[in-house]
PDB file of all heavy atoms in Angstrom:
ATOM      1  N   LYS A   1       0.848  -1.192   0.003  1.00  0.00           N
ATOM      2  CA  LYS A   1      -0.008   0.014  -0.048  1.00  0.00           C
ATOM      3  C   LYS A   1       0.862   1.257   0.012  1.00  0.00           C
ATOM      4  O   LYS A   1       0.264   2.323  -0.286  1.00  0.00           O
ATOM      5  CB  LYS A   1      -0.912  -0.039   1.188  1.00  0.00           C
ATOM      6  CG  LYS A   1      -2.112  -1.089   1.091  1.00  0.00           C
ATOM      7  CD  LYS A   1      -3.104  -0.934   2.219  1.00  0.00           C
ATOM      8  CE  LYS A   1      -4.196  -1.969   1.966  1.00  0.00           C
ATOM      9  NZ  LYS A   1      -5.280  -1.801   3.003  1.00  0.00           N
ATOM     10  N   THR A   2       2.140   1.113   0.272  1.00  0.00           N
ATOM     11  CA  THR A   2       3.058   2.273   0.311  1.00  0.00           C
ATOM     12  C   THR A   2       3.517   2.767  -1.115  1.00  0.00           C
ATOM     13  O   THR A   2       4.053   3.667  -1.351  1.00  0.00           O
ATOM     14  CB  THR A   2       4.150   1.938   1.267  1.00  0.00           C
ATOM     15  OG1 THR A   2       4.901   0.677   0.787  1.00  0.00           O
ATOM     16  CG2 THR A   2       3.836   1.858   2.626  1.00  0.00           C
ATOM     17  N   TYR A   3       3.264   1.728  -2.165  1.00  0.00           N
ATOM     18  CA  TYR A   3       3.860   2.002  -3.427  1.00  0.00           C
ATOM     19  C   TYR A   3       3.114   3.199  -4.085  1.00  0.00           C
ATOM     20  O   TYR A   3       1.969   3.416  -3.995  1.00  0.00           O
ATOM     21  CB  TYR A   3       3.490   0.731  -4.375  1.00  0.00           C
ATOM     22  CG  TYR A   3       4.610  -0.255  -4.425  1.00  0.00           C
ATOM     23  CD1 TYR A   3       5.474  -0.402  -3.329  1.00  0.00           C
ATOM     24  CD2 TYR A   3       4.843  -0.925  -5.662  1.00  0.00           C
ATOM     25  CE1 TYR A   3       6.398  -1.477  -3.417  1.00  0.00           C
ATOM     26  CE2 TYR A   3       5.850  -1.926  -5.753  1.00  0.00           C
ATOM     27  CZ  TYR A   3       6.598  -2.160  -4.632  1.00  0.00           C
ATOM     28  OH  TYR A   3       7.678  -3.131  -4.697  1.00  0.00           O
ATOM     29  N   THR A   4       3.984   3.988  -4.782  1.00  0.00           N
ATOM     30  CA  THR A   4       3.425   5.027  -5.741  1.00  0.00           C
ATOM     31  C   THR A   4       3.533   4.561  -7.095  1.00  0.00           C
ATOM     32  O   THR A   4       3.923   3.354  -7.412  1.00  0.00           O
ATOM     33  CB  THR A   4       4.382   6.252  -5.607  1.00  0.00           C
ATOM     34  OG1 THR A   4       5.693   5.902  -6.111  1.00  0.00           O
ATOM     35  CG2 THR A   4       4.486   6.694  -4.165  1.00  0.00           C
ATOM     36  N   GLU A   5       2.910   5.283  -8.054  1.00  0.00           N
ATOM     37  CA  GLU A   5       2.862   4.879  -9.440  1.00  0.00           C
ATOM     38  C   GLU A   5       4.301   4.803 -10.038  1.00  0.00           C
ATOM     39  O   GLU A   5       4.585   3.857 -10.833  1.00  0.00           O
ATOM     40  CB  GLU A   5       2.077   5.742 -10.391  1.00  0.00           C
ATOM     41  CG  GLU A   5       0.611   5.790 -10.091  1.00  0.00           C
ATOM     42  CD  GLU A   5      -0.243   6.619 -10.928  1.00  0.00           C
ATOM     43  OE1 GLU A   5       0.389   7.284 -11.764  1.00  0.00           O
ATOM     44  OE2 GLU A   5      -1.436   6.686 -10.729  1.00  0.00           O
ATOM     45  N   GLU A   6       5.226   5.503  -9.492  1.00  0.00           N
ATOM     46  CA  GLU A   6       6.562   5.533  -9.888  1.00  0.00           C
ATOM     47  C   GLU A   6       7.291   4.224  -9.389  1.00  0.00           C
ATOM     48  O   GLU A   6       8.079   3.569 -10.121  1.00  0.00           O
ATOM     49  CB  GLU A   6       7.421   6.722  -9.369  1.00  0.00           C
ATOM     50  CG  GLU A   6       8.749   6.959  -9.939  1.00  0.00           C
ATOM     51  CD  GLU A   6       8.776   6.903 -11.384  1.00  0.00           C
ATOM     52  OE1 GLU A   6       7.897   7.559 -12.115  1.00  0.00           O
ATOM     53  OE2 GLU A   6       9.742   6.361 -12.097  1.00  0.00           O
ATOM     54  N   ASP A   7       6.990   3.810  -8.237  1.00  0.00           N
ATOM     55  CA  ASP A   7       7.447   2.571  -7.698  1.00  0.00           C
ATOM     56  C   ASP A   7       7.029   1.508  -8.492  1.00  0.00           C
ATOM     57  O   ASP A   7       7.846   0.468  -8.796  1.00  0.00           O
ATOM     58  CB  ASP A   7       7.056   2.355  -6.243  1.00  0.00           C
ATOM     59  CG  ASP A   7       7.584   3.364  -5.273  1.00  0.00           C
ATOM     60  OD1 ASP A   7       8.730   3.811  -5.570  1.00  0.00           O
ATOM     61  OD2 ASP A   7       6.979   3.720  -4.288  1.00  0.00           O
ATOM     62  N   LEU A   8       5.697   1.384  -8.888  1.00  0.00           N
ATOM     63  CA  LEU A   8       5.084   0.383  -9.697  1.00  0.00           C
ATOM     64  C   LEU A   8       5.790   0.332 -10.988  1.00  0.00           C
ATOM     65  O   LEU A   8       6.151  -0.875 -11.572  1.00  0.00           O
ATOM     66  CB  LEU A   8       3.636   0.553  -9.943  1.00  0.00           C
ATOM     67  CG  LEU A   8       2.850  -0.397 -10.634  1.00  0.00           C
ATOM     68  CD1 LEU A   8       2.937  -1.854  -9.894  1.00  0.00           C
ATOM     69  CD2 LEU A   8       1.355  -0.079 -10.696  1.00  0.00           C
ATOM     70  N   ARG A   9       6.059   1.398 -11.664  1.00  0.00           N
ATOM     71  CA  ARG A   9       6.706   1.490 -13.034  1.00  0.00           C
ATOM     72  C   ARG A   9       8.106   0.986 -12.797  1.00  0.00           C
ATOM     73  O   ARG A   9       8.505   0.258 -13.764  1.00  0.00           O
ATOM     74  CB  ARG A   9       6.661   2.866 -13.437  1.00  0.00           C
ATOM     75  CG  ARG A   9       7.432   3.128 -14.863  1.00  0.00           C
ATOM     76  CD  ARG A   9       7.388   4.593 -15.315  1.00  0.00           C
ATOM     77  NE  ARG A   9       5.974   5.049 -15.576  1.00  0.00           N
ATOM     78  CZ  ARG A   9       5.382   4.963 -16.732  1.00  0.00           C
ATOM     79  NH1 ARG A   9       6.167   4.351 -17.733  1.00  0.00           N
ATOM     80  NH2 ARG A   9       4.147   5.376 -16.919  1.00  0.00           N
ATOM     81  N   GLU A  10       8.874   1.328 -11.844  1.00  0.00           N
ATOM     82  CA  GLU A  10      10.187   0.955 -11.640  1.00  0.00           C
ATOM     83  C   GLU A  10      10.362  -0.608 -11.487  1.00  0.00           C
ATOM     84  O   GLU A  10      11.249  -1.226 -12.057  1.00  0.00           O
ATOM     85  CB  GLU A  10      10.763   1.530 -10.306  1.00  0.00           C
ATOM     86  CG  GLU A  10      12.246   1.392 -10.089  1.00  0.00           C
ATOM     87  CD  GLU A  10      13.090   2.092 -11.184  1.00  0.00           C
ATOM     88  OE1 GLU A  10      12.607   3.088 -11.731  1.00  0.00           O
ATOM     89  OE2 GLU A  10      14.254   1.672 -11.408  1.00  0.00           O
ATOM     90  N   LYS A  11       9.361  -1.175 -10.874  1.00  0.00           N
ATOM     91  CA  LYS A  11       9.432  -2.712 -10.655  1.00  0.00           C
ATOM     92  C   LYS A  11       9.043  -3.451 -11.959  1.00  0.00           C
ATOM     93  O   LYS A  11       9.479  -4.539 -12.134  1.00  0.00           O
ATOM     94  CB  LYS A  11       8.288  -3.068  -9.498  1.00  0.00           C
ATOM     95  CG  LYS A  11       8.793  -2.705  -8.164  1.00  0.00           C
ATOM     96  CD  LYS A  11       9.835  -3.705  -7.790  1.00  0.00           C
ATOM     97  CE  LYS A  11      10.261  -3.438  -6.222  1.00  0.00           C
ATOM     98  NZ  LYS A  11      11.407  -4.343  -5.808  1.00  0.00           N
ATOM     99  N   PHE A  12       8.203  -2.877 -12.877  1.00  0.00           N
ATOM    100  CA  PHE A  12       7.838  -3.661 -13.969  1.00  0.00           C
ATOM    101  C   PHE A  12       8.383  -3.104 -15.305  1.00  0.00           C
ATOM    102  O   PHE A  12       8.140  -3.699 -16.388  1.00  0.00           O
ATOM    103  CB  PHE A  12       6.258  -3.647 -13.971  1.00  0.00           C
ATOM    104  CG  PHE A  12       5.593  -4.638 -13.147  1.00  0.00           C
ATOM    105  CD1 PHE A  12       5.368  -4.186 -11.784  1.00  0.00           C
ATOM    106  CD2 PHE A  12       5.331  -5.859 -13.442  1.00  0.00           C
ATOM    107  CE1 PHE A  12       4.846  -5.001 -10.834  1.00  0.00           C
ATOM    108  CE2 PHE A  12       4.676  -6.740 -12.530  1.00  0.00           C
ATOM    109  CZ  PHE A  12       4.471  -6.398 -11.201  1.00  0.00           C
ATOM    110  N   LYS A  13       9.187  -2.119 -15.190  1.00  0.00           N
ATOM    111  CA  LYS A  13       9.718  -1.675 -16.637  1.00  0.00           C
ATOM    112  C   LYS A  13      10.707  -2.556 -17.154  1.00  0.00           C
ATOM    113  O   LYS A  13      10.993  -2.507 -18.412  1.00  0.00           O
ATOM    114  CB  LYS A  13      10.336  -0.243 -16.334  1.00  0.00           C
ATOM    115  CG  LYS A  13      11.660  -0.250 -15.464  1.00  0.00           C
ATOM    116  CD  LYS A  13      12.212   1.218 -15.359  1.00  0.00           C
ATOM    117  CE  LYS A  13      13.591   1.186 -14.691  1.00  0.00           C
ATOM    118  NZ  LYS A  13      14.079   2.603 -14.562  1.00  0.00           N
ATOM    119  N   MET A  14      11.369  -3.475 -16.416  1.00  0.00           N
ATOM    120  CA  MET A  14      12.350  -4.419 -16.964  1.00  0.00           C
ATOM    121  C   MET A  14      11.777  -5.422 -17.899  1.00  0.00           C
ATOM    122  O   MET A  14      12.455  -6.054 -18.600  1.00  0.00           O
ATOM    123  CB  MET A  14      13.064  -5.232 -15.840  1.00  0.00           C
ATOM    124  CG  MET A  14      12.081  -6.215 -15.157  1.00  0.00           C
ATOM    125  SD  MET A  14      12.954  -7.005 -13.752  1.00  0.00           S
ATOM    126  CE  MET A  14      13.126  -5.635 -12.496  1.00  0.00           C
ATOM    127  N   TYR A  15      10.352  -5.543 -17.900  1.00  0.00           N
ATOM    128  CA  TYR A  15       9.711  -6.638 -18.808  1.00  0.00           C
ATOM    129  C   TYR A  15       9.352  -6.000 -20.155  1.00  0.00           C
ATOM    130  O   TYR A  15       8.921  -6.699 -21.052  1.00  0.00           O
ATOM    131  CB  TYR A  15       8.501  -7.221 -18.121  1.00  0.00           C
ATOM    132  CG  TYR A  15       8.970  -7.749 -16.707  1.00  0.00           C
ATOM    133  CD1 TYR A  15       8.395  -7.068 -15.533  1.00  0.00           C
ATOM    134  CD2 TYR A  15       9.900  -8.742 -16.550  1.00  0.00           C
ATOM    135  CE1 TYR A  15       8.765  -7.643 -14.335  1.00  0.00           C
ATOM    136  CE2 TYR A  15      10.239  -9.302 -15.361  1.00  0.00           C
ATOM    137  CZ  TYR A  15       9.748  -8.693 -14.210  1.00  0.00           C
ATOM    138  OH  TYR A  15      10.048  -9.120 -12.951  1.00  0.00           O
ATOM    139  N   GLY A  16       9.260  -4.719 -20.257  1.00  0.00           N
ATOM    140  CA  GLY A  16       8.927  -4.040 -21.617  1.00  0.00           C
ATOM    141  C   GLY A  16       8.523  -2.606 -21.374  1.00  0.00           C
ATOM    142  O   GLY A  16       8.675  -2.031 -20.371  1.00  0.00           O
ATOM    143  N   ASP A  17       8.162  -2.030 -22.626  1.00  0.00           N
ATOM    144  CA  ASP A  17       7.756  -0.651 -22.682  1.00  0.00           C
ATOM    145  C   ASP A  17       6.362  -0.502 -21.973  1.00  0.00           C
ATOM    146  O   ASP A  17       5.404  -0.974 -22.427  1.00  0.00           O
ATOM    147  CB  ASP A  17       7.732  -0.198 -24.061  1.00  0.00           C
ATOM    148  CG  ASP A  17       9.147  -0.279 -24.695  1.00  0.00           C
ATOM    149  OD1 ASP A  17      10.118  -0.041 -24.108  1.00  0.00           O
ATOM    150  OD2 ASP A  17       9.111  -0.852 -25.851  1.00  0.00           O
ATOM    151  N   ILE A  18       6.269   0.369 -20.933  1.00  0.00           N
ATOM    152  CA  ILE A  18       4.998   0.648 -20.266  1.00  0.00           C
ATOM    153  C   ILE A  18       4.309   1.736 -20.848  1.00  0.00           C
ATOM    154  O   ILE A  18       4.966   2.955 -20.984  1.00  0.00           O
ATOM    155  CB  ILE A  18       5.345   0.743 -18.740  1.00  0.00           C
ATOM    156  CG1 ILE A  18       5.757  -0.579 -18.154  1.00  0.00           C
ATOM    157  CG2 ILE A  18       4.025   1.288 -17.953  1.00  0.00           C
ATOM    158  CD1 ILE A  18       6.362  -0.409 -16.701  1.00  0.00           C
ATOM    159  N   GLU A  19       3.089   1.599 -21.066  1.00  0.00           N
ATOM    160  CA  GLU A  19       2.248   2.713 -21.609  1.00  0.00           C
ATOM    161  C   GLU A  19       1.751   3.579 -20.456  1.00  0.00           C
ATOM    162  O   GLU A  19       1.777   4.759 -20.469  1.00  0.00           O
ATOM    163  CB  GLU A  19       1.078   2.228 -22.359  1.00  0.00           C
ATOM    164  CG  GLU A  19       0.151   3.374 -23.044  1.00  0.00           C
ATOM    165  CD  GLU A  19      -0.836   2.778 -23.997  1.00  0.00           C
ATOM    166  OE1 GLU A  19      -0.464   1.824 -24.761  1.00  0.00           O
ATOM    167  OE2 GLU A  19      -2.024   3.162 -23.974  1.00  0.00           O
ATOM    168  N   TYR A  20       1.221   2.873 -19.321  1.00  0.00           N
ATOM    169  CA  TYR A  20       0.790   3.630 -18.211  1.00  0.00           C
ATOM    170  C   TYR A  20       0.792   2.609 -16.989  1.00  0.00           C
ATOM    171  O   TYR A  20       0.714   1.459 -17.111  1.00  0.00           O
ATOM    172  CB  TYR A  20      -0.444   4.363 -18.402  1.00  0.00           C
ATOM    173  CG  TYR A  20      -1.679   3.447 -18.504  1.00  0.00           C
ATOM    174  CD1 TYR A  20      -2.285   2.883 -17.385  1.00  0.00           C
ATOM    175  CD2 TYR A  20      -2.289   3.267 -19.670  1.00  0.00           C
ATOM    176  CE1 TYR A  20      -3.386   2.061 -17.555  1.00  0.00           C
ATOM    177  CE2 TYR A  20      -3.438   2.495 -19.920  1.00  0.00           C
ATOM    178  CZ  TYR A  20      -3.981   1.861 -18.774  1.00  0.00           C
ATOM    179  OH  TYR A  20      -5.049   1.016 -18.924  1.00  0.00           O
ATOM    180  N   CYS A  21       0.922   3.207 -15.737  1.00  0.00           N
ATOM    181  CA  CYS A  21       0.573   2.557 -14.499  1.00  0.00           C
ATOM    182  C   CYS A  21      -0.450   3.268 -13.776  1.00  0.00           C
ATOM    183  O   CYS A  21      -0.468   4.504 -13.930  1.00  0.00           O
ATOM    184  CB  CYS A  21       1.834   2.440 -13.634  1.00  0.00           C
ATOM    185  SG  CYS A  21       3.285   1.594 -14.398  1.00  0.00           S
ATOM    186  N   SER A  22      -1.307   2.588 -13.022  1.00  0.00           N
ATOM    187  CA  SER A  22      -2.232   3.186 -12.091  1.00  0.00           C
ATOM    188  C   SER A  22      -2.499   2.425 -10.780  1.00  0.00           C
ATOM    189  O   SER A  22      -2.389   1.181 -10.900  1.00  0.00           O
ATOM    190  CB  SER A  22      -3.615   3.469 -12.884  1.00  0.00           C
ATOM    191  OG  SER A  22      -4.144   2.294 -13.203  1.00  0.00           O
ATOM    192  N   ILE A  23      -2.698   3.093  -9.784  1.00  0.00           N
ATOM    193  CA  ILE A  23      -2.890   2.470  -8.557  1.00  0.00           C
ATOM    194  C   ILE A  23      -4.330   2.668  -8.040  1.00  0.00           C
ATOM    195  O   ILE A  23      -4.849   3.851  -8.185  1.00  0.00           O
ATOM    196  CB  ILE A  23      -1.914   3.165  -7.392  1.00  0.00           C
ATOM    197  CG1 ILE A  23      -0.566   2.599  -7.806  1.00  0.00           C
ATOM    198  CG2 ILE A  23      -2.302   2.612  -6.044  1.00  0.00           C
ATOM    199  CD1 ILE A  23       0.560   3.234  -6.798  1.00  0.00           C
ATOM    200  N   ILE A  24      -5.001   1.615  -7.633  1.00  0.00           N
ATOM    201  CA  ILE A  24      -6.399   1.762  -7.236  1.00  0.00           C
ATOM    202  C   ILE A  24      -6.467   2.293  -5.891  1.00  0.00           C
ATOM    203  O   ILE A  24      -5.805   1.770  -4.899  1.00  0.00           O
ATOM    204  CB  ILE A  24      -7.089   0.424  -7.347  1.00  0.00           C
ATOM    205  CG1 ILE A  24      -6.996  -0.111  -8.750  1.00  0.00           C
ATOM    206  CG2 ILE A  24      -8.487   0.434  -6.850  1.00  0.00           C
ATOM    207  CD1 ILE A  24      -7.225  -1.583  -8.970  1.00  0.00           C
ATOM    208  N   LYS A  25      -7.226   3.282  -5.632  1.00  0.00           N
ATOM    209  CA  LYS A  25      -7.371   4.017  -4.348  1.00  0.00           C
ATOM    210  C   LYS A  25      -8.790   4.036  -3.778  1.00  0.00           C
ATOM    211  O   LYS A  25      -9.852   4.037  -4.574  1.00  0.00           O
ATOM    212  CB  LYS A  25      -6.817   5.437  -4.478  1.00  0.00           C
ATOM    213  CG  LYS A  25      -5.311   5.531  -4.889  1.00  0.00           C
ATOM    214  CD  LYS A  25      -4.849   6.929  -5.002  1.00  0.00           C
ATOM    215  CE  LYS A  25      -3.383   7.019  -5.353  1.00  0.00           C
ATOM    216  NZ  LYS A  25      -2.760   8.377  -5.514  1.00  0.00           N
ATOM    217  N   ASN A  26      -8.926   4.136  -2.486  1.00  0.00           N
ATOM    218  CA  ASN A  26     -10.198   4.180  -1.910  1.00  0.00           C
ATOM    219  C   ASN A  26     -10.758   5.622  -2.186  1.00  0.00           C
ATOM    220  O   ASN A  26     -10.088   6.704  -2.094  1.00  0.00           O
ATOM    221  CB  ASN A  26     -10.071   4.185  -0.340  1.00  0.00           C
ATOM    222  CG  ASN A  26     -11.251   4.234   0.447  1.00  0.00           C
ATOM    223  OD1 ASN A  26     -12.040   5.135   0.309  1.00  0.00           O
ATOM    224  ND2 ASN A  26     -11.600   3.030   1.095  1.00  0.00           N
ATOM    225  N   LYS A  27     -11.960   5.589  -2.706  1.00  0.00           N
ATOM    226  CA  LYS A  27     -12.549   6.939  -3.295  1.00  0.00           C
ATOM    227  C   LYS A  27     -12.847   7.855  -2.199  1.00  0.00           C
ATOM    228  O   LYS A  27     -12.766   9.092  -2.360  1.00  0.00           O
ATOM    229  CB  LYS A  27     -13.827   6.528  -4.001  1.00  0.00           C
ATOM    230  CG  LYS A  27     -13.730   5.760  -5.169  1.00  0.00           C
ATOM    231  CD  LYS A  27     -15.021   5.460  -5.857  1.00  0.00           C
ATOM    232  CE  LYS A  27     -14.960   4.644  -7.106  1.00  0.00           C
ATOM    233  NZ  LYS A  27     -16.190   4.339  -7.795  1.00  0.00           N
ATOM    234  N   THR A  28     -13.044   7.388  -0.872  1.00  0.00           N
ATOM    235  CA  THR A  28     -13.345   8.287   0.195  1.00  0.00           C
ATOM    236  C   THR A  28     -12.060   8.825   0.894  1.00  0.00           C
ATOM    237  O   THR A  28     -11.879   9.986   1.076  1.00  0.00           O
ATOM    238  CB  THR A  28     -14.176   7.435   1.300  1.00  0.00           C
ATOM    239  OG1 THR A  28     -15.272   6.890   0.728  1.00  0.00           O
ATOM    240  CG2 THR A  28     -14.524   8.466   2.392  1.00  0.00           C
ATOM    241  N   THR A  29     -11.013   7.964   1.165  1.00  0.00           N
ATOM    242  CA  THR A  29      -9.876   8.325   1.949  1.00  0.00           C
ATOM    243  C   THR A  29      -8.694   8.666   0.996  1.00  0.00           C
ATOM    244  O   THR A  29      -7.738   9.470   1.427  1.00  0.00           O
ATOM    245  CB  THR A  29      -9.411   7.233   2.823  1.00  0.00           C
ATOM    246  OG1 THR A  29      -8.980   6.094   2.090  1.00  0.00           O
ATOM    247  CG2 THR A  29     -10.519   6.857   3.844  1.00  0.00           C
ATOM    248  N   GLY A  30      -8.696   8.192  -0.373  1.00  0.00           N
ATOM    249  CA  GLY A  30      -7.638   8.411  -1.221  1.00  0.00           C
ATOM    250  C   GLY A  30      -6.392   7.475  -0.955  1.00  0.00           C
ATOM    251  O   GLY A  30      -5.356   7.624  -1.619  1.00  0.00           O
ATOM    252  N   GLU A  31      -6.550   6.555   0.004  1.00  0.00           N
ATOM    253  CA  GLU A  31      -5.427   5.668   0.243  1.00  0.00           C
ATOM    254  C   GLU A  31      -5.394   4.507  -0.739  1.00  0.00           C
ATOM    255  O   GLU A  31      -6.483   4.132  -1.206  1.00  0.00           O
ATOM    256  CB  GLU A  31      -5.627   5.108   1.803  1.00  0.00           C
ATOM    257  CG  GLU A  31      -5.508   6.188   2.783  1.00  0.00           C
ATOM    258  CD  GLU A  31      -5.625   5.620   4.234  1.00  0.00           C
ATOM    259  OE1 GLU A  31      -5.971   4.329   4.254  1.00  0.00           O
ATOM    260  OE2 GLU A  31      -5.355   6.185   5.199  1.00  0.00           O
ATOM    261  N   SER A  32      -4.209   4.008  -1.001  1.00  0.00           N
ATOM    262  CA  SER A  32      -4.131   2.907  -1.907  1.00  0.00           C
ATOM    263  C   SER A  32      -4.777   1.587  -1.362  1.00  0.00           C
ATOM    264  O   SER A  32      -4.589   1.411  -0.184  1.00  0.00           O
ATOM    265  CB  SER A  32      -2.633   2.608  -2.046  1.00  0.00           C
ATOM    266  OG  SER A  32      -2.370   1.402  -2.766  1.00  0.00           O
ATOM    267  N   LYS A  33      -5.402   0.908  -2.168  1.00  0.00           N
ATOM    268  CA  LYS A  33      -5.959  -0.460  -1.837  1.00  0.00           C
ATOM    269  C   LYS A  33      -4.947  -1.528  -1.936  1.00  0.00           C
ATOM    270  O   LYS A  33      -5.346  -2.650  -1.628  1.00  0.00           O
ATOM    271  CB  LYS A  33      -7.153  -0.643  -2.719  1.00  0.00           C
ATOM    272  CG  LYS A  33      -8.414   0.167  -2.414  1.00  0.00           C
ATOM    273  CD  LYS A  33      -9.492  -0.295  -3.436  1.00  0.00           C
ATOM    274  CE  LYS A  33     -10.780   0.468  -3.089  1.00  0.00           C
ATOM    275  NZ  LYS A  33     -11.953  -0.145  -3.867  1.00  0.00           N
ATOM    276  N   GLY A  34      -3.791  -1.178  -2.401  1.00  0.00           N
ATOM    277  CA  GLY A  34      -2.750  -2.347  -2.493  1.00  0.00           C
ATOM    278  C   GLY A  34      -2.994  -3.104  -3.901  1.00  0.00           C
ATOM    279  O   GLY A  34      -2.460  -4.179  -4.012  1.00  0.00           O
ATOM    280  N   LEU A  35      -3.595  -2.412  -4.801  1.00  0.00           N
ATOM    281  CA  LEU A  35      -3.769  -3.037  -6.222  1.00  0.00           C
ATOM    282  C   LEU A  35      -3.436  -2.068  -7.282  1.00  0.00           C
ATOM    283  O   LEU A  35      -3.699  -0.847  -7.001  1.00  0.00           O
ATOM    284  CB  LEU A  35      -5.278  -3.470  -6.320  1.00  0.00           C
ATOM    285  CG  LEU A  35      -5.836  -4.494  -5.250  1.00  0.00           C
ATOM    286  CD1 LEU A  35      -7.274  -4.629  -5.325  1.00  0.00           C
ATOM    287  CD2 LEU A  35      -5.132  -5.926  -5.475  1.00  0.00           C
ATOM    288  N   GLY A  36      -3.085  -2.652  -8.383  1.00  0.00           N
ATOM    289  CA  GLY A  36      -2.754  -1.566  -9.421  1.00  0.00           C
ATOM    290  C   GLY A  36      -2.744  -2.230 -10.874  1.00  0.00           C
ATOM    291  O   GLY A  36      -2.794  -3.478 -10.945  1.00  0.00           O
ATOM    292  N   TYR A  37      -2.749  -1.446 -11.887  1.00  0.00           N
ATOM    293  CA  TYR A  37      -2.661  -1.945 -13.334  1.00  0.00           C
ATOM    294  C   TYR A  37      -1.329  -1.402 -13.949  1.00  0.00           C
ATOM    295  O   TYR A  37      -0.861  -0.382 -13.586  1.00  0.00           O
ATOM    296  CB  TYR A  37      -3.820  -1.237 -14.091  1.00  0.00           C
ATOM    297  CG  TYR A  37      -5.237  -1.687 -13.610  1.00  0.00           C
ATOM    298  CD1 TYR A  37      -6.078  -1.037 -12.942  1.00  0.00           C
ATOM    299  CD2 TYR A  37      -5.641  -2.942 -14.331  1.00  0.00           C
ATOM    300  CE1 TYR A  37      -7.318  -1.373 -12.530  1.00  0.00           C
ATOM    301  CE2 TYR A  37      -7.003  -3.346 -13.880  1.00  0.00           C
ATOM    302  CZ  TYR A  37      -7.737  -2.513 -13.099  1.00  0.00           C
ATOM    303  OH  TYR A  37      -9.115  -2.997 -12.820  1.00  0.00           O
ATOM    304  N   VAL A  38      -0.922  -2.311 -14.799  1.00  0.00           N
ATOM    305  CA  VAL A  38       0.259  -1.857 -15.687  1.00  0.00           C
ATOM    306  C   VAL A  38      -0.182  -2.239 -17.090  1.00  0.00           C
ATOM    307  O   VAL A  38      -0.435  -3.404 -17.387  1.00  0.00           O
ATOM    308  CB  VAL A  38       1.544  -2.648 -15.198  1.00  0.00           C
ATOM    309  CG1 VAL A  38       2.706  -2.185 -16.122  1.00  0.00           C
ATOM    310  CG2 VAL A  38       1.888  -2.405 -13.743  1.00  0.00           C
ATOM    311  N   ARG A  39      -0.025  -1.346 -17.967  1.00  0.00           N
ATOM    312  CA  ARG A  39      -0.266  -1.655 -19.378  1.00  0.00           C
ATOM    313  C   ARG A  39       0.924  -1.393 -20.243  1.00  0.00           C
ATOM    314  O   ARG A  39       1.655  -0.433 -20.066  1.00  0.00           O
ATOM    315  CB  ARG A  39      -1.400  -0.671 -19.936  1.00  0.00           C
ATOM    316  CG  ARG A  39      -1.716  -1.069 -21.353  1.00  0.00           C
ATOM    317  CD  ARG A  39      -2.889  -0.433 -21.980  1.00  0.00           C
ATOM    318  NE  ARG A  39      -3.207  -0.974 -23.337  1.00  0.00           N
ATOM    319  CZ  ARG A  39      -4.058  -0.494 -24.174  1.00  0.00           C
ATOM    320  NH1 ARG A  39      -4.853   0.291 -23.775  1.00  0.00           N
ATOM    321  NH2 ARG A  39      -4.206  -1.105 -25.399  1.00  0.00           N
ATOM    322  N   TYR A  40       1.246  -2.523 -20.899  1.00  0.00           N
ATOM    323  CA  TYR A  40       2.394  -2.497 -21.899  1.00  0.00           C
ATOM    324  C   TYR A  40       1.999  -2.229 -23.293  1.00  0.00           C
ATOM    325  O   TYR A  40       0.741  -2.239 -23.518  1.00  0.00           O
ATOM    326  CB  TYR A  40       3.153  -3.865 -21.866  1.00  0.00           C
ATOM    327  CG  TYR A  40       3.757  -4.160 -20.407  1.00  0.00           C
ATOM    328  CD1 TYR A  40       3.133  -4.877 -19.416  1.00  0.00           C
ATOM    329  CD2 TYR A  40       5.111  -3.758 -20.252  1.00  0.00           C
ATOM    330  CE1 TYR A  40       3.782  -5.099 -18.233  1.00  0.00           C
ATOM    331  CE2 TYR A  40       5.735  -4.087 -19.057  1.00  0.00           C
ATOM    332  CZ  TYR A  40       5.030  -4.719 -18.083  1.00  0.00           C
ATOM    333  OH  TYR A  40       5.703  -4.898 -16.861  1.00  0.00           O
ATOM    334  N   LEU A  41       3.008  -1.947 -24.160  1.00  0.00           N
ATOM    335  CA  LEU A  41       2.733  -1.668 -25.549  1.00  0.00           C
ATOM    336  C   LEU A  41       2.525  -2.962 -26.319  1.00  0.00           C
ATOM    337  O   LEU A  41       1.798  -2.989 -27.283  1.00  0.00           O
ATOM    338  CB  LEU A  41       3.951  -0.931 -26.209  1.00  0.00           C
ATOM    339  CG  LEU A  41       4.138   0.514 -25.642  1.00  0.00           C
ATOM    340  CD1 LEU A  41       5.321   1.120 -26.191  1.00  0.00           C
ATOM    341  CD2 LEU A  41       2.935   1.380 -25.807  1.00  0.00           C
ATOM    342  N   LYS A  42       3.084  -4.045 -25.884  1.00  0.00           N
ATOM    343  CA  LYS A  42       2.945  -5.355 -26.555  1.00  0.00           C
ATOM    344  C   LYS A  42       2.434  -6.533 -25.661  1.00  0.00           C
ATOM    345  O   LYS A  42       2.731  -6.551 -24.558  1.00  0.00           O
ATOM    346  CB  LYS A  42       4.331  -5.729 -27.147  1.00  0.00           C
ATOM    347  CG  LYS A  42       4.850  -4.854 -28.134  1.00  0.00           C
ATOM    348  CD  LYS A  42       6.249  -5.238 -28.691  1.00  0.00           C
ATOM    349  CE  LYS A  42       6.893  -4.295 -29.678  1.00  0.00           C
ATOM    350  NZ  LYS A  42       8.185  -4.806 -30.113  1.00  0.00           N
TER     351      LYS A  42
END
């Protein structure tokens, strides 16, 4: 839950070209839910 989008990108950029990363957050508190998306180009 401490990960930022930059942390997520850093962990997964070794596997290919990343189009975007996003972290799912609680709509009320704005805190991370500990889940995220990574989209690659291929």
